[in-house]
């Protein structure tokens, strides 16, 4: 009964998250934004591969400089997508065709995401490499 409870808002504040949790949340939000861009471009989004879906956990396990770089790159990618999607939605809301611009943003996103995913070495058909 004497235990102090944190206010609800404090438990949800971004500052309370670990870097790993923040990366996972941002990665998910990034893919949600990308799906909206793809829809505006008239593209059907492919089903995420295990590498894409599990990226936050994979890069967390690797850690070190790769995790730090991944966190920075995902932040940069989010910073690119946020104003891009906002502009596309504004154009679309005015009844104008945003598909060409959306397709360009989609391609930029895919290229940047590929670079981020390259931080996790391929595990091969036998699964991830384990220390002996």
N, C-alpha and C. Protein backbone atom coordinates (compact mmCIF):
# COMPACT_ATOMS: atom_id res chain seq x y z
N UNK A 1 0.81 -1.19 0.00
CA UNK A 1 0.00 0.00 0.00
C UNK A 1 0.85 1.26 0.00
N UNK A 2 2.10 1.17 0.49
CA UNK A 2 2.95 2.33 0.55
C UNK A 2 3.73 2.56 -0.74
N UNK A 3 3.63 1.63 -1.68
CA UNK A 3 4.35 1.78 -2.94
C UNK A 3 3.81 2.97 -3.71
N UNK A 4 4.73 3.77 -4.22
CA UNK A 4 4.31 4.92 -5.01
C UNK A 4 4.02 4.47 -6.43
N UNK A 5 2.93 4.92 -6.96
CA UNK A 5 2.58 4.60 -8.33
C UNK A 5 2.88 5.80 -9.20
N UNK A 6 3.41 5.50 -10.39
CA UNK A 6 3.66 6.56 -11.34
C UNK A 6 2.35 6.94 -12.02
N UNK A 7 2.20 8.21 -12.36
CA UNK A 7 1.02 8.58 -13.13
C UNK A 7 1.02 7.83 -14.47
N UNK A 8 -0.18 7.58 -14.98
CA UNK A 8 -0.32 6.83 -16.22
C UNK A 8 0.48 7.47 -17.35
N UNK A 9 0.45 8.80 -17.46
CA UNK A 9 1.15 9.48 -18.55
C UNK A 9 2.65 9.27 -18.46
N UNK A 10 3.19 9.11 -17.27
CA UNK A 10 4.63 8.91 -17.12
C UNK A 10 5.05 7.55 -17.65
N UNK A 11 4.18 6.56 -17.56
CA UNK A 11 4.54 5.23 -18.05
C UNK A 11 4.51 5.17 -19.56
N UNK A 12 3.81 6.09 -20.21
CA UNK A 12 3.72 6.08 -21.66
C UNK A 12 4.60 7.12 -22.33
N UNK A 13 5.28 7.93 -21.55
CA UNK A 13 6.09 8.97 -22.15
C UNK A 13 7.27 8.36 -22.90
N UNK A 14 7.63 8.95 -24.07
CA UNK A 14 8.73 8.40 -24.85
C UNK A 14 10.03 8.34 -24.06
N UNK A 15 10.23 9.24 -23.11
CA UNK A 15 11.45 9.22 -22.33
C UNK A 15 11.56 8.00 -21.44
N UNK A 16 10.44 7.34 -21.16
CA UNK A 16 10.44 6.17 -20.29
C UNK A 16 10.81 4.90 -21.05
N UNK A 17 10.84 4.96 -22.35
CA UNK A 17 11.16 3.78 -23.15
C UNK A 17 12.66 3.57 -23.23
N UNK A 18 13.04 2.32 -23.35
CA UNK A 18 14.44 2.01 -23.61
C UNK A 18 14.71 2.30 -25.08
N UNK A 19 15.98 2.45 -25.47
CA UNK A 19 16.28 2.67 -26.89
C UNK A 19 15.75 1.53 -27.77
N UNK A 20 15.78 0.32 -27.25
CA UNK A 20 15.29 -0.83 -28.02
C UNK A 20 13.78 -0.73 -28.24
N UNK A 21 13.05 -0.33 -27.20
CA UNK A 21 11.60 -0.17 -27.33
C UNK A 21 11.27 0.97 -28.28
N UNK A 22 12.01 2.05 -28.17
CA UNK A 22 11.78 3.20 -29.04
C UNK A 22 12.00 2.83 -30.50
N UNK A 23 13.05 2.06 -30.77
CA UNK A 23 13.33 1.63 -32.14
C UNK A 23 12.19 0.77 -32.66
N UNK A 24 11.71 -0.14 -31.85
CA UNK A 24 10.63 -1.02 -32.27
C UNK A 24 9.35 -0.24 -32.58
N UNK A 25 9.02 0.72 -31.73
CA UNK A 25 7.82 1.54 -31.94
C UNK A 25 7.98 2.38 -33.20
N UNK A 26 9.15 2.98 -33.37
CA UNK A 26 9.38 3.83 -34.54
C UNK A 26 9.38 3.01 -35.82
N UNK A 27 9.94 1.80 -35.77
CA UNK A 27 9.97 0.90 -36.93
C UNK A 27 8.54 0.55 -37.37
N UNK A 28 7.69 0.26 -36.41
CA UNK A 28 6.30 -0.07 -36.71
C UNK A 28 5.56 1.13 -37.29
N UNK A 29 5.75 2.29 -36.69
CA UNK A 29 5.11 3.51 -37.19
C UNK A 29 5.59 3.86 -38.59
N UNK A 30 6.87 3.63 -38.83
CA UNK A 30 7.45 3.89 -40.14
C UNK A 30 6.78 3.02 -41.21
N UNK A 31 6.55 1.76 -40.89
CA UNK A 31 5.91 0.87 -41.86
C UNK A 31 4.44 1.21 -42.06
N UNK A 32 3.79 1.70 -41.03
CA UNK A 32 2.41 2.17 -41.18
C UNK A 32 2.36 3.37 -42.13
N UNK A 33 3.30 4.29 -41.96
CA UNK A 33 3.37 5.46 -42.85
C UNK A 33 3.68 5.04 -44.27
N UNK A 34 4.59 4.08 -44.41
CA UNK A 34 4.95 3.59 -45.75
C UNK A 34 3.76 2.93 -46.43
N UNK A 35 2.94 2.23 -45.68
CA UNK A 35 1.75 1.61 -46.25
C UNK A 35 0.78 2.68 -46.77
N UNK A 36 0.67 3.79 -46.07
CA UNK A 36 -0.18 4.89 -46.52
C UNK A 36 0.37 5.51 -47.80
N UNK A 37 1.70 5.66 -47.87
CA UNK A 37 2.34 6.19 -49.07
C UNK A 37 2.10 5.24 -50.25
N UNK A 38 2.25 3.96 -50.01
CA UNK A 38 2.02 2.97 -51.07
C UNK A 38 0.59 3.03 -51.57
N UNK A 39 -0.35 3.20 -50.66
CA UNK A 39 -1.75 3.29 -51.07
C UNK A 39 -1.97 4.52 -51.94
N UNK A 40 -1.37 5.65 -51.57
CA UNK A 40 -1.49 6.86 -52.39
C UNK A 40 -0.82 6.69 -53.75
N UNK A 41 0.21 5.84 -53.80
CA UNK A 41 0.91 5.58 -55.06
C UNK A 41 0.20 4.54 -55.91
N UNK A 42 -0.80 3.89 -55.33
CA UNK A 42 -1.51 2.85 -56.06
C UNK A 42 -0.78 1.52 -56.09
N UNK A 43 0.05 1.29 -55.09
CA UNK A 43 0.87 0.08 -55.01
C UNK A 43 0.31 -0.83 -53.93
N UNK A 44 0.30 -2.12 -54.21
CA UNK A 44 -0.06 -3.09 -53.19
C UNK A 44 1.20 -3.42 -52.41
N UNK A 45 1.15 -3.25 -51.11
CA UNK A 45 2.33 -3.49 -50.27
C UNK A 45 2.53 -4.99 -50.12
N UNK A 46 3.78 -5.41 -50.29
CA UNK A 46 4.11 -6.81 -50.12
C UNK A 46 4.04 -7.19 -48.64
N UNK A 47 3.84 -8.45 -48.40
CA UNK A 47 3.82 -8.92 -47.01
C UNK A 47 5.25 -8.82 -46.46
N UNK A 48 5.42 -8.29 -45.26
CA UNK A 48 6.78 -8.12 -44.74
C UNK A 48 7.49 -9.46 -44.56
N UNK A 49 8.74 -9.48 -44.94
CA UNK A 49 9.56 -10.68 -44.75
C UNK A 49 9.92 -10.80 -43.27
N UNK A 50 10.36 -11.97 -42.85
CA UNK A 50 10.79 -12.11 -41.45
C UNK A 50 11.91 -11.12 -41.09
N UNK A 51 12.81 -10.84 -42.05
CA UNK A 51 13.89 -9.89 -41.77
C UNK A 51 13.33 -8.50 -41.47
N UNK A 52 12.34 -8.08 -42.24
CA UNK A 52 11.72 -6.77 -42.02
C UNK A 52 10.92 -6.77 -40.72
N UNK A 53 10.12 -7.79 -40.54
CA UNK A 53 9.25 -7.87 -39.36
C UNK A 53 10.05 -7.95 -38.06
N UNK A 54 11.15 -8.69 -38.09
CA UNK A 54 11.94 -8.94 -36.87
C UNK A 54 13.14 -8.02 -36.73
N UNK A 55 13.27 -7.03 -37.60
CA UNK A 55 14.46 -6.19 -37.59
C UNK A 55 14.79 -5.60 -36.21
N UNK A 56 13.83 -5.00 -35.50
CA UNK A 56 14.19 -4.42 -34.20
C UNK A 56 14.81 -5.44 -33.24
N UNK A 57 14.27 -6.65 -33.20
CA UNK A 57 14.82 -7.68 -32.31
C UNK A 57 16.18 -8.15 -32.80
N UNK A 58 16.34 -8.30 -34.11
CA UNK A 58 17.61 -8.77 -34.66
C UNK A 58 18.72 -7.76 -34.40
N UNK A 59 18.44 -6.48 -34.63
CA UNK A 59 19.48 -5.47 -34.45
C UNK A 59 19.77 -5.26 -32.97
N UNK A 60 18.77 -5.46 -32.12
CA UNK A 60 19.00 -5.36 -30.67
C UNK A 60 19.96 -6.45 -30.22
N UNK A 61 19.78 -7.66 -30.76
CA UNK A 61 20.67 -8.77 -30.40
C UNK A 61 22.09 -8.52 -30.86
N UNK A 62 22.25 -7.85 -31.99
CA UNK A 62 23.59 -7.53 -32.50
C UNK A 62 24.22 -6.44 -31.63
N UNK A 63 23.44 -5.40 -31.36
CA UNK A 63 23.90 -4.33 -30.47
C UNK A 63 25.06 -3.52 -31.03
N UNK A 64 25.74 -2.84 -30.15
CA UNK A 64 26.94 -2.07 -30.50
C UNK A 64 26.68 -0.96 -31.50
N UNK A 65 27.70 -0.72 -32.33
CA UNK A 65 27.62 0.37 -33.29
C UNK A 65 26.53 0.15 -34.32
N UNK A 66 26.24 -1.11 -34.64
CA UNK A 66 25.18 -1.38 -35.63
C UNK A 66 23.82 -0.95 -35.09
N UNK A 67 23.57 -1.23 -33.82
CA UNK A 67 22.30 -0.81 -33.22
C UNK A 67 22.21 0.71 -33.20
N UNK A 68 23.29 1.37 -32.79
CA UNK A 68 23.30 2.84 -32.74
C UNK A 68 23.06 3.44 -34.12
N UNK A 69 23.72 2.87 -35.14
CA UNK A 69 23.54 3.36 -36.50
C UNK A 69 22.11 3.10 -36.98
N UNK A 70 21.58 1.93 -36.68
CA UNK A 70 20.21 1.60 -37.08
C UNK A 70 19.23 2.58 -36.45
N UNK A 71 19.43 2.89 -35.19
CA UNK A 71 18.53 3.83 -34.51
C UNK A 71 18.58 5.20 -35.18
N UNK A 72 19.79 5.65 -35.55
CA UNK A 72 19.93 6.93 -36.23
C UNK A 72 19.29 6.90 -37.62
N UNK A 73 19.52 5.82 -38.35
CA UNK A 73 18.98 5.72 -39.71
C UNK A 73 17.46 5.61 -39.71
N UNK A 74 16.90 4.89 -38.77
CA UNK A 74 15.44 4.79 -38.68
C UNK A 74 14.86 6.16 -38.32
N UNK A 75 15.54 6.89 -37.46
CA UNK A 75 15.12 8.26 -37.15
C UNK A 75 15.17 9.16 -38.38
N UNK A 76 16.24 9.03 -39.17
CA UNK A 76 16.36 9.81 -40.40
C UNK A 76 15.26 9.44 -41.39
N UNK A 77 15.00 8.16 -41.51
CA UNK A 77 13.96 7.68 -42.42
C UNK A 77 12.59 8.19 -41.99
N UNK A 78 12.34 8.19 -40.70
CA UNK A 78 11.08 8.74 -40.18
C UNK A 78 10.98 10.24 -40.46
N UNK A 79 12.11 10.93 -40.32
CA UNK A 79 12.13 12.37 -40.58
C UNK A 79 11.87 12.67 -42.05
N UNK A 80 12.22 11.76 -42.93
CA UNK A 80 11.95 11.92 -44.36
C UNK A 80 10.47 11.62 -44.66
N UNK A 81 9.95 10.58 -44.04
CA UNK A 81 8.59 10.14 -44.34
C UNK A 81 7.53 11.07 -43.77
N UNK A 82 7.77 11.61 -42.60
CA UNK A 82 6.74 12.42 -41.93
C UNK A 82 6.29 13.62 -42.77
N UNK A 83 7.21 14.50 -43.21
CA UNK A 83 6.74 15.63 -44.02
C UNK A 83 6.29 15.19 -45.41
N UNK A 84 6.90 14.12 -45.93
CA UNK A 84 6.49 13.62 -47.24
C UNK A 84 5.05 13.14 -47.23
N UNK A 85 4.71 12.35 -46.24
CA UNK A 85 3.34 11.85 -46.13
C UNK A 85 2.36 12.99 -45.85
N UNK A 86 2.77 13.94 -45.03
CA UNK A 86 1.91 15.09 -44.75
C UNK A 86 1.60 15.86 -46.03
N UNK A 87 2.62 16.07 -46.85
CA UNK A 87 2.43 16.79 -48.12
C UNK A 87 1.54 15.99 -49.07
N UNK A 88 1.76 14.69 -49.14
CA UNK A 88 0.93 13.85 -50.01
C UNK A 88 -0.53 13.88 -49.58
N UNK A 89 -0.76 13.81 -48.29
CA UNK A 89 -2.14 13.85 -47.79
C UNK A 89 -2.79 15.20 -48.07
N UNK A 90 -2.01 16.28 -47.99
CA UNK A 90 -2.55 17.61 -48.28
C UNK A 90 -2.92 17.73 -49.76
N UNK A 91 -2.06 17.23 -50.63
CA UNK A 91 -2.35 17.25 -52.07
C UNK A 91 -3.59 16.42 -52.36
N UNK A 92 -3.65 15.24 -51.77
CA UNK A 92 -4.80 14.35 -51.98
C UNK A 92 -6.09 14.98 -51.45
N UNK A 93 -6.00 15.68 -50.32
CA UNK A 93 -7.19 16.32 -49.73
C UNK A 93 -7.74 17.42 -50.63
N UNK A 94 -6.88 18.02 -51.44
CA UNK A 94 -7.33 19.05 -52.38
C UNK A 94 -7.91 18.45 -53.65
N UNK A 95 -7.93 17.13 -53.72
CA UNK A 95 -8.50 16.46 -54.88
C UNK A 95 -7.53 16.32 -56.04
N UNK A 96 -6.25 16.56 -55.79
CA UNK A 96 -5.25 16.45 -56.85
C UNK A 96 -4.60 15.07 -56.79
N UNK A 97 -4.01 14.68 -57.91
CA UNK A 97 -3.37 13.37 -58.01
C UNK A 97 -1.98 13.43 -57.37
N UNK A 98 -1.78 12.64 -56.34
CA UNK A 98 -0.49 12.60 -55.64
C UNK A 98 0.27 11.32 -55.95
N UNK A 99 -0.20 10.54 -56.91
CA UNK A 99 0.39 9.21 -57.12
C UNK A 99 1.84 9.26 -57.59
N UNK A 100 2.20 10.20 -58.45
CA UNK A 100 3.59 10.26 -58.93
C UNK A 100 4.55 10.62 -57.78
N UNK A 101 4.16 11.60 -57.00
CA UNK A 101 5.00 11.99 -55.86
C UNK A 101 5.04 10.87 -54.82
N UNK A 102 3.92 10.20 -54.62
CA UNK A 102 3.87 9.08 -53.67
C UNK A 102 4.77 7.94 -54.14
N UNK A 103 4.78 7.68 -55.43
CA UNK A 103 5.64 6.62 -55.97
C UNK A 103 7.11 6.96 -55.76
N UNK A 104 7.46 8.21 -55.94
CA UNK A 104 8.84 8.65 -55.71
C UNK A 104 9.23 8.48 -54.24
N UNK A 105 8.35 8.90 -53.34
CA UNK A 105 8.63 8.74 -51.91
C UNK A 105 8.70 7.26 -51.54
N UNK A 106 7.85 6.44 -52.11
CA UNK A 106 7.86 4.99 -51.86
C UNK A 106 9.21 4.39 -52.26
N UNK A 107 9.71 4.77 -53.43
CA UNK A 107 11.00 4.24 -53.90
C UNK A 107 12.14 4.69 -52.99
N UNK A 108 12.12 5.95 -52.58
CA UNK A 108 13.14 6.44 -51.66
C UNK A 108 13.09 5.67 -50.35
N UNK A 109 11.90 5.42 -49.87
CA UNK A 109 11.72 4.65 -48.64
C UNK A 109 12.30 3.25 -48.79
N UNK A 110 11.98 2.58 -49.90
CA UNK A 110 12.49 1.21 -50.10
C UNK A 110 14.01 1.17 -50.15
N UNK A 111 14.62 2.14 -50.84
CA UNK A 111 16.09 2.18 -50.91
C UNK A 111 16.69 2.41 -49.53
N UNK A 112 16.13 3.33 -48.78
CA UNK A 112 16.65 3.61 -47.44
C UNK A 112 16.42 2.43 -46.50
N UNK A 113 15.26 1.79 -46.60
CA UNK A 113 14.97 0.63 -45.75
C UNK A 113 15.93 -0.51 -46.06
N UNK A 114 16.25 -0.70 -47.33
CA UNK A 114 17.21 -1.73 -47.72
C UNK A 114 18.57 -1.48 -47.07
N UNK A 115 18.99 -0.22 -47.04
CA UNK A 115 20.26 0.13 -46.40
C UNK A 115 20.22 -0.16 -44.91
N UNK A 116 19.11 0.14 -44.27
CA UNK A 116 18.97 -0.13 -42.83
C UNK A 116 19.00 -1.63 -42.57
N UNK A 117 18.28 -2.38 -43.38
CA UNK A 117 18.22 -3.84 -43.19
C UNK A 117 19.58 -4.50 -43.41
N UNK A 118 20.44 -3.86 -44.20
CA UNK A 118 21.77 -4.42 -44.47
C UNK A 118 22.66 -4.41 -43.22
N UNK A 119 22.26 -3.71 -42.18
CA UNK A 119 23.03 -3.72 -40.94
C UNK A 119 22.96 -5.07 -40.23
N UNK A 120 21.96 -5.88 -40.56
CA UNK A 120 21.84 -7.22 -39.98
C UNK A 120 22.41 -8.20 -40.99
N UNK A 121 23.51 -8.88 -40.66
CA UNK A 121 24.09 -9.84 -41.60
C UNK A 121 23.10 -10.97 -41.91
N UNK A 122 23.18 -11.49 -43.12
CA UNK A 122 22.34 -12.63 -43.49
C UNK A 122 22.63 -13.80 -42.58
N UNK A 123 21.56 -14.49 -42.20
CA UNK A 123 21.73 -15.63 -41.30
C UNK A 123 21.85 -16.94 -42.06
N UNK A 124 21.58 -16.92 -43.35
CA UNK A 124 21.65 -18.15 -44.13
C UNK A 124 20.45 -19.03 -43.88
N UNK A 125 20.45 -20.19 -44.47
CA UNK A 125 19.30 -21.08 -44.36
C UNK A 125 19.27 -21.84 -43.04
N UNK A 126 20.37 -21.79 -42.29
CA UNK A 126 20.44 -22.53 -41.03
C UNK A 126 20.07 -21.66 -39.83
N UNK A 127 19.67 -20.43 -40.08
CA UNK A 127 19.31 -19.55 -38.98
C UNK A 127 20.48 -18.66 -38.60
N UNK A 128 20.32 -17.88 -37.54
CA UNK A 128 21.39 -16.95 -37.15
C UNK A 128 22.62 -17.69 -36.65
N UNK A 129 23.77 -17.05 -36.85
CA UNK A 129 25.03 -17.62 -36.39
C UNK A 129 25.07 -17.57 -34.87
N UNK A 130 25.52 -18.65 -34.29
CA UNK A 130 25.62 -18.72 -32.83
C UNK A 130 27.08 -18.87 -32.44
N UNK A 131 27.42 -18.28 -31.32
CA UNK A 131 28.79 -18.41 -30.81
C UNK A 131 29.01 -19.83 -30.32
N UNK A 132 30.25 -20.27 -30.42
CA UNK A 132 30.57 -21.62 -29.93
C UNK A 132 31.39 -21.55 -28.67
